[in-house]
Amino acid sequence: MRHRVNRRSVLGLGGAAAASAATLGPLGPFVSPASADERIPPGLAGLKTVYAAQKRKAGGRWHSYVNAVQDGGTWRDVIADDVDFVIKGASVQKLAVALAVFDKVDRGLLRLDQKLDLPASIILGGSGTYHLQAAFGDDLTIANFLVAMLQVSDNTAVRMCGRVAPGPEINEILAAKGFTHTRVEPVEGNPNRFFLGTTTPREMHALVKGLADQTLLSAASSAAMLRVMRWSEVGYCDGVRRNMSSAERARIGIKYGANEDLRHEVGVIFDTAGAPVLVFSYFADQVGDVGNYGGTNPVVQAHAVLGRTMLDAVSGTTNTSARVRHPIEAFRSADSA
């Protein structure tokens, strides 16, 4: 399935996408998962009911995949809605880019402490922070720009990744890991530049679960990606993690993506022991309020309701059979020395 790709395909998030949830007022009509006369069944059955209601309220075309641990360790589908739809991934694709770079680290082809310069010629606006600097010329480690790409969805960081993992090589790595539709789109004449390309809800769901299970990368690289995805004091909290405490947010690793009429969010919820208990993959296109990349976009508001509902649905769930656990890192504030 072919999609039109333009310059914003590599921009991903709009400038307001990383705004703190604490500064955005109430959720309006989306603050409750149901109106007063709707009866919501408990647990994961309730999540299906809330999903149907929010999809209807928010509008657009949704393509979603959610499964969760039940019966002590068995993973079962909760929502399977057009899961193989091929769609532009926007900034969610940055997970695939990071996966490829970490794969090269695992194979000894790159080092996380390896440094590259940050010239003015490579700066790209939109989401992120590098373009806000008053001057350039920094020497950045690969670890540095990977964090920037995953935490604040920095677009310049994508170009930095392209310097160590060109687009064709990223696609080869993704294919070798079993992904069929998750691809970046190389720029002709410059393999170090690429558009972010396409994916499907099923494949991005598999990527996130593979990180949690440590089946796609080494234990160290999987933990490094998830640590950034779960850090919530700086980063994206407008959607799934909006209506949560700091401790609750620390149990959820996410990546958000938006571009024109696209609003996506994917991630994993862990139990208090650090075992994965739910993986979600929400994609939507043809959404309204196209120019609004903030927390009041209807689909983003729907994500906030779904996030609270998902966490409540698995609040009593523990994954005792998990092969890997990722300890929850509590946030501690600190004064500058």
Protein backbone atom coordinates (compact mmCIF):
# COMPACT_ATOMS: atom_id res chain seq x y z
CA MET A 1 0.00 0.00 0.00
CA ARG A 2 1.60 3.26 -1.12
CA HIS A 3 1.31 6.46 0.86
CA ARG A 4 2.12 10.01 -0.10
CA VAL A 5 5.23 11.13 1.73
CA ASN A 6 6.27 14.72 2.15
CA ARG A 7 8.76 16.61 4.26
CA ARG A 8 6.58 16.39 7.38
CA SER A 9 6.84 12.60 7.24
CA VAL A 10 10.27 12.98 8.83
CA LEU A 11 9.17 15.70 11.22
CA GLY A 12 6.86 13.44 13.21
CA LEU A 13 5.58 15.36 16.21
CA GLY A 14 4.33 18.92 16.06
CA GLY A 15 6.07 21.48 18.23
CA ALA A 16 3.51 21.23 21.00
CA ALA A 17 3.61 17.45 21.26
CA ALA A 18 6.01 17.36 24.20
CA ALA A 19 4.07 19.88 26.29
CA SER A 20 3.62 18.88 29.91
CA ALA A 21 0.21 17.45 30.79
CA ALA A 22 0.24 19.46 34.00
CA THR A 23 -0.24 22.71 32.10
CA LEU A 24 -3.23 21.68 30.05
CA GLY A 25 -6.67 22.00 31.70
CA PRO A 26 -9.43 19.40 31.97
CA LEU A 27 -10.21 16.89 29.30
CA GLY A 28 -13.67 18.26 28.55
CA PRO A 29 -16.08 15.71 27.09
CA PHE A 30 -13.41 13.01 27.19
CA VAL A 31 -12.69 13.16 30.93
CA SER A 32 -14.99 10.20 31.61
CA PRO A 33 -14.84 6.98 29.64
CA ALA A 34 -18.63 6.86 29.44
CA SER A 35 -21.64 9.02 29.96
CA ALA A 36 -23.64 8.60 33.15
CA ASP A 37 -26.15 6.20 31.61
CA GLU A 38 -23.56 3.79 30.17
CA ARG A 39 -22.63 0.69 32.13
CA ILE A 40 -18.96 -0.18 31.82
CA PRO A 41 -18.04 -3.78 32.58
CA PRO A 42 -15.01 -4.22 34.81
CA GLY A 43 -11.48 -5.05 33.72
CA LEU A 44 -10.43 -5.74 30.16
CA ALA A 45 -14.01 -6.19 28.95
CA GLY A 46 -14.57 -2.61 30.05
CA LEU A 47 -11.56 -1.51 28.00
CA LYS A 48 -13.21 -2.84 24.85
CA THR A 49 -16.37 -0.87 25.65
CA VAL A 50 -14.43 2.32 26.35
CA TYR A 51 -12.39 1.90 23.16
CA ALA A 52 -15.53 1.66 21.04
CA ALA A 53 -16.98 4.77 22.68
CA GLN A 54 -13.81 6.85 22.37
CA LYS A 55 -13.24 5.82 18.78
CA ARG A 56 -16.75 6.98 17.96
CA LYS A 57 -16.37 10.29 19.82
CA ALA A 58 -12.92 11.17 18.53
CA GLY A 59 -13.59 10.40 14.88
CA GLY A 60 -11.09 9.46 12.22
CA ARG A 61 -10.12 5.94 11.18
CA TRP A 62 -8.63 3.81 13.94
CA HIS A 63 -6.31 0.82 13.58
CA SER A 64 -5.48 -0.69 16.96
CA TYR A 65 -4.06 -3.74 18.66
CA VAL A 66 -4.07 -4.38 22.42
CA ASN A 67 -3.35 -7.58 24.26
CA ALA A 68 -2.85 -8.29 27.93
CA VAL A 69 -1.85 -10.95 30.42
CA GLN A 70 -4.71 -13.03 31.80
CA ASP A 71 -4.88 -16.24 33.80
CA GLY A 72 -1.53 -15.58 35.45
CA GLY A 73 0.61 -15.46 32.34
CA THR A 74 -1.34 -16.11 29.14
CA TRP A 75 -1.39 -13.25 26.64
CA ARG A 76 -4.80 -12.73 25.04
CA ASP A 77 -6.06 -10.19 22.51
CA VAL A 78 -8.32 -7.49 23.94
CA ILE A 79 -8.69 -5.20 20.91
CA ALA A 80 -7.85 -6.24 17.35
CA ASP A 81 -9.10 -3.52 15.02
CA ASP A 82 -7.62 -3.48 11.49
CA VAL A 83 -4.25 -4.54 12.89
CA ASP A 84 -2.50 -5.10 9.54
CA PHE A 85 -3.32 -1.70 8.05
CA VAL A 86 -0.16 -0.18 6.52
CA ILE A 87 0.14 3.41 7.66
CA LYS A 88 2.70 6.20 7.91
CA GLY A 89 4.17 5.77 11.37
CA ALA A 90 5.13 9.43 11.97
CA SER A 91 7.35 9.68 15.06
CA VAL A 92 6.39 6.21 16.28
CA GLN A 93 8.85 5.07 13.58
CA LYS A 94 11.67 6.48 15.69
CA LEU A 95 11.39 3.28 17.73
CA ALA A 96 12.35 1.32 14.62
CA VAL A 97 15.25 3.69 13.90
CA ALA A 98 16.52 3.34 17.46
CA LEU A 99 16.12 -0.44 17.26
CA ALA A 100 18.41 -0.53 14.22
CA VAL A 101 21.06 1.64 15.86
CA PHE A 102 21.02 -0.42 19.06
CA ASP A 103 21.24 -3.58 16.95
CA LYS A 104 24.52 -2.29 15.49
CA VAL A 105 25.72 -1.54 19.02
CA ASP A 106 24.87 -5.10 20.06
CA ARG A 107 26.91 -6.45 17.13
CA GLY A 108 29.92 -4.31 18.01
CA LEU A 109 29.64 -2.09 14.92
CA LEU A 110 28.94 1.05 16.96
CA ARG A 111 29.62 2.25 20.51
CA LEU A 112 27.17 4.31 22.53
CA ASP A 113 30.03 6.61 23.62
CA GLN A 114 31.08 7.19 20.00
CA LYS A 115 30.90 10.92 19.15
CA LEU A 116 29.64 12.83 16.14
CA ASP A 117 29.65 16.57 15.58
CA LEU A 118 26.38 18.53 15.37
CA PRO A 119 26.77 20.96 12.47
CA ALA A 120 24.24 23.67 11.71
CA SER A 121 23.65 22.10 8.28
CA ILE A 122 21.99 19.03 9.81
CA ILE A 123 19.50 20.84 12.07
CA LEU A 124 15.84 20.08 11.41
CA GLY A 125 12.97 21.92 13.10
CA GLY A 126 9.66 20.64 14.43
CA SER A 127 9.76 18.45 17.51
CA GLY A 128 12.81 18.20 19.73
CA THR A 129 15.28 20.62 21.29
CA TYR A 130 18.49 20.66 19.26
CA HIS A 131 17.05 23.25 16.86
CA LEU A 132 16.45 25.60 19.81
CA GLN A 133 20.17 26.02 20.49
CA ALA A 134 21.66 29.45 19.85
CA ALA A 135 24.83 27.93 18.36
CA PHE A 136 25.98 24.57 17.05
CA GLY A 137 29.17 22.55 16.85
CA ASP A 138 28.59 20.16 19.76
CA ASP A 139 30.18 16.74 19.92
CA LEU A 140 27.37 14.32 20.76
CA THR A 141 27.58 10.68 21.74
CA ILE A 142 25.30 8.21 20.02
CA ALA A 143 23.72 7.63 23.45
CA ASN A 144 22.93 11.35 23.66
CA PHE A 145 21.01 11.66 20.41
CA LEU A 146 19.21 8.35 20.91
CA VAL A 147 17.79 9.70 24.17
CA ALA A 148 16.80 12.94 22.43
CA MET A 149 15.03 11.02 19.66
CA LEU A 150 13.09 8.76 22.01
CA GLN A 151 12.40 11.19 24.86
CA VAL A 152 11.50 14.45 23.08
CA SER A 153 11.15 12.97 19.57
CA ASP A 154 13.96 15.17 18.25
CA ASN A 155 13.94 15.33 14.45
CA THR A 156 17.60 16.34 14.17
CA ALA A 157 18.43 13.18 16.13
CA VAL A 158 16.89 11.15 13.29
CA ARG A 159 19.41 12.71 10.92
CA MET A 160 22.19 11.92 13.38
CA CYS A 161 21.04 8.29 13.42
CA GLY A 162 21.14 8.28 9.63
CA ARG A 163 24.84 9.08 9.77
CA VAL A 164 25.56 5.83 11.64
CA ALA A 165 22.74 3.68 10.23
CA PRO A 166 21.75 4.68 6.67
CA GLY A 167 18.18 4.10 5.54
CA PRO A 168 18.83 0.99 3.42
CA GLU A 169 20.73 -0.61 6.30
CA ILE A 170 17.92 0.18 8.75
CA ASN A 171 15.49 -1.60 6.43
CA GLU A 172 17.79 -4.62 6.18
CA ILE A 173 17.97 -4.84 9.97
CA LEU A 174 14.20 -4.56 10.31
CA ALA A 175 13.66 -7.26 7.67
CA ALA A 176 16.13 -9.56 9.43
CA LYS A 177 14.14 -9.15 12.64
CA GLY A 178 10.95 -10.27 10.93
CA PHE A 179 9.28 -6.95 10.14
CA THR A 180 7.58 -6.87 6.74
CA HIS A 181 5.99 -3.43 6.55
CA THR A 182 8.00 -1.38 9.05
CA ARG A 183 10.40 0.53 6.85
CA VAL A 184 12.00 3.95 6.49
CA GLU A 185 12.09 5.55 3.04
CA PRO A 186 15.64 6.42 1.91
CA VAL A 187 16.21 9.67 0.04
CA GLU A 188 17.62 9.11 -3.43
CA GLY A 189 21.18 10.32 -3.71
CA ASN A 190 21.72 10.57 0.06
CA PRO A 191 21.37 7.28 1.96
CA ASN A 192 22.03 9.04 5.26
CA ARG A 193 18.72 10.88 4.93
CA PHE A 194 15.36 9.15 5.00
CA PHE A 195 11.68 9.73 5.62
CA LEU A 196 10.21 7.83 8.54
CA GLY A 197 8.08 5.53 6.40
CA THR A 198 5.39 3.01 7.24
CA THR A 199 4.41 0.35 9.75
CA THR A 200 1.31 -1.52 10.97
CA PRO A 201 -0.34 -1.75 14.40
CA ARG A 202 0.61 -5.43 14.62
CA GLU A 203 4.27 -4.86 13.77
CA MET A 204 4.73 -1.92 16.14
CA HIS A 205 2.99 -3.94 18.84
CA ALA A 206 5.51 -6.73 18.19
CA LEU A 207 8.40 -4.27 18.40
CA VAL A 208 7.32 -2.94 21.78
CA LYS A 209 6.64 -6.40 23.18
CA GLY A 210 10.00 -7.58 21.85
CA LEU A 211 11.71 -4.83 23.83
CA ALA A 212 9.87 -5.87 26.99
CA ASP A 213 10.72 -9.55 26.41
CA GLN A 214 14.30 -8.76 25.31
CA THR A 215 13.87 -10.83 22.15
CA LEU A 216 14.89 -8.15 19.63
CA LEU A 217 17.95 -6.66 21.33
CA SER A 218 20.39 -7.51 24.09
CA ALA A 219 19.28 -7.08 27.69
CA ALA A 220 21.31 -3.86 27.99
CA SER A 221 19.96 -2.31 24.79
CA SER A 222 16.36 -3.31 25.55
CA ALA A 223 16.64 -1.79 29.02
CA ALA A 224 18.19 1.39 27.62
CA MET A 225 15.30 1.96 25.20
CA LEU A 226 12.62 1.18 27.76
CA ARG A 227 14.23 3.40 30.40
CA VAL A 228 13.82 6.39 28.09
CA MET A 229 10.31 5.36 27.03
CA ARG A 230 9.20 5.08 30.68
CA TRP A 231 10.75 8.35 31.86
CA SER A 232 7.84 10.73 32.28
CA GLU A 233 9.13 13.88 33.95
CA VAL A 234 10.44 15.16 30.62
CA GLY A 235 8.69 13.94 27.50
CA TYR A 236 5.23 13.17 26.20
CA CYS A 237 2.41 12.93 28.73
CA ASP A 238 -0.56 14.40 26.81
CA GLY A 239 -1.99 11.04 25.80
CA VAL A 240 -2.07 7.66 27.54
CA ARG A 241 -0.14 8.86 30.63
CA ARG A 242 -2.02 12.11 31.13
CA ASN A 243 -4.36 11.25 34.02
CA MET A 244 -1.79 9.45 36.17
CA SER A 245 0.54 10.00 39.08
CA SER A 246 4.32 10.02 38.63
CA ALA A 247 4.51 6.49 40.03
CA GLU A 248 1.87 5.26 37.61
CA ARG A 249 3.52 6.93 34.64
CA ALA A 250 6.81 5.21 35.49
CA ARG A 251 5.11 1.87 34.79
CA ILE A 252 4.28 2.80 31.20
CA GLY A 253 6.71 3.04 28.30
CA ILE A 254 5.34 4.96 25.32
CA LYS A 255 6.15 6.52 21.97
CA TYR A 256 3.84 9.05 20.37
CA GLY A 257 3.65 10.15 16.75
CA ALA A 258 1.70 12.82 14.90
CA ASN A 259 1.83 14.26 11.41
CA GLU A 260 -0.94 16.15 9.66
CA ASP A 261 -4.04 13.93 10.09
CA LEU A 262 -2.22 11.15 11.98
CA ARG A 263 -2.27 10.58 15.75
CA HIS A 264 -0.57 7.45 17.08
CA GLU A 265 0.56 6.09 20.45
CA VAL A 266 2.15 2.75 21.25
CA GLY A 267 3.59 1.28 24.42
CA VAL A 268 3.66 -1.22 27.25
CA ILE A 269 2.29 -1.27 30.80
CA PHE A 270 4.25 -3.07 33.52
CA ASP A 271 3.05 -4.44 36.84
CA THR A 272 4.64 -3.10 40.02
CA ALA A 273 7.31 -5.82 39.83
CA GLY A 274 8.37 -4.63 36.36
CA ALA A 275 6.82 -7.44 34.31
CA PRO A 276 4.85 -6.49 31.17
CA VAL A 277 1.10 -6.98 31.54
CA LEU A 278 -0.39 -5.05 28.58
CA VAL A 279 0.90 -3.88 25.20
CA PHE A 280 -1.03 -1.30 23.17
CA SER A 281 -0.74 0.02 19.64
CA TYR A 282 -3.17 2.81 18.68
CA PHE A 283 -2.99 4.32 15.19
CA ALA A 284 -5.46 6.78 13.67
CA ASP A 285 -5.61 8.64 10.38
CA GLN A 286 -8.09 11.08 8.85
CA VAL A 287 -8.45 12.70 12.28
CA GLY A 288 -9.92 16.14 12.83
CA ASP A 289 -8.33 19.26 14.32
CA VAL A 290 -5.32 18.62 12.10
CA GLY A 291 -3.28 21.65 13.14
CA ASN A 292 -3.64 20.92 16.86
CA TYR A 293 -0.74 18.78 18.08
CA GLY A 294 -1.54 19.41 21.74
CA GLY A 295 -3.51 17.64 24.41
CA THR A 296 -6.89 18.95 23.27
CA ASN A 297 -6.88 17.12 19.95
CA PRO A 298 -9.88 14.72 20.12
CA VAL A 299 -7.81 11.59 19.44
CA VAL A 300 -5.19 12.60 22.01
CA GLN A 301 -7.98 13.14 24.54
CA ALA A 302 -9.28 9.67 23.68
CA HIS A 303 -5.80 8.25 24.32
CA ALA A 304 -5.87 9.85 27.77
CA VAL A 305 -9.14 8.13 28.62
CA LEU A 306 -7.88 4.83 27.25
CA GLY A 307 -4.66 5.13 29.22
CA ARG A 308 -6.46 5.51 32.53
CA THR A 309 -8.84 2.70 31.60
CA MET A 310 -6.00 0.36 30.60
CA LEU A 311 -4.07 0.95 33.80
CA ASP A 312 -7.17 0.41 35.94
CA ALA A 313 -8.06 -2.73 33.98
CA VAL A 314 -4.72 -4.37 34.86
CA SER A 315 -4.34 -2.84 38.31
CA GLY A 316 -4.63 -6.24 40.00
CA THR A 317 -2.73 -8.17 37.34
CA THR A 318 0.72 -9.64 37.87
CA ASN A 319 2.70 -11.48 35.24
CA THR A 320 4.30 -14.24 37.27
CA SER A 321 5.46 -16.09 34.16
CA ALA A 322 7.38 -13.17 32.64
CA ARG A 323 10.85 -14.20 31.47
CA VAL A 324 12.15 -10.65 32.00
CA ARG A 325 11.38 -7.95 34.53
CA HIS A 326 12.29 -4.29 34.28
CA PRO A 327 12.51 -2.65 37.73
CA ILE A 328 10.41 0.49 38.03
CA GLU A 329 12.55 3.62 38.43
CA ALA A 330 10.90 6.11 40.76
CA PHE A 331 11.38 9.80 40.04
CA ARG A 332 13.35 11.78 42.61
CA SER A 333 13.59 15.56 42.35
CA ALA A 334 16.89 17.22 43.19
CA ASP A 335 18.20 20.77 43.65
CA SER A 336 21.17 21.83 41.58
CA ALA A 337 24.48 21.62 43.42
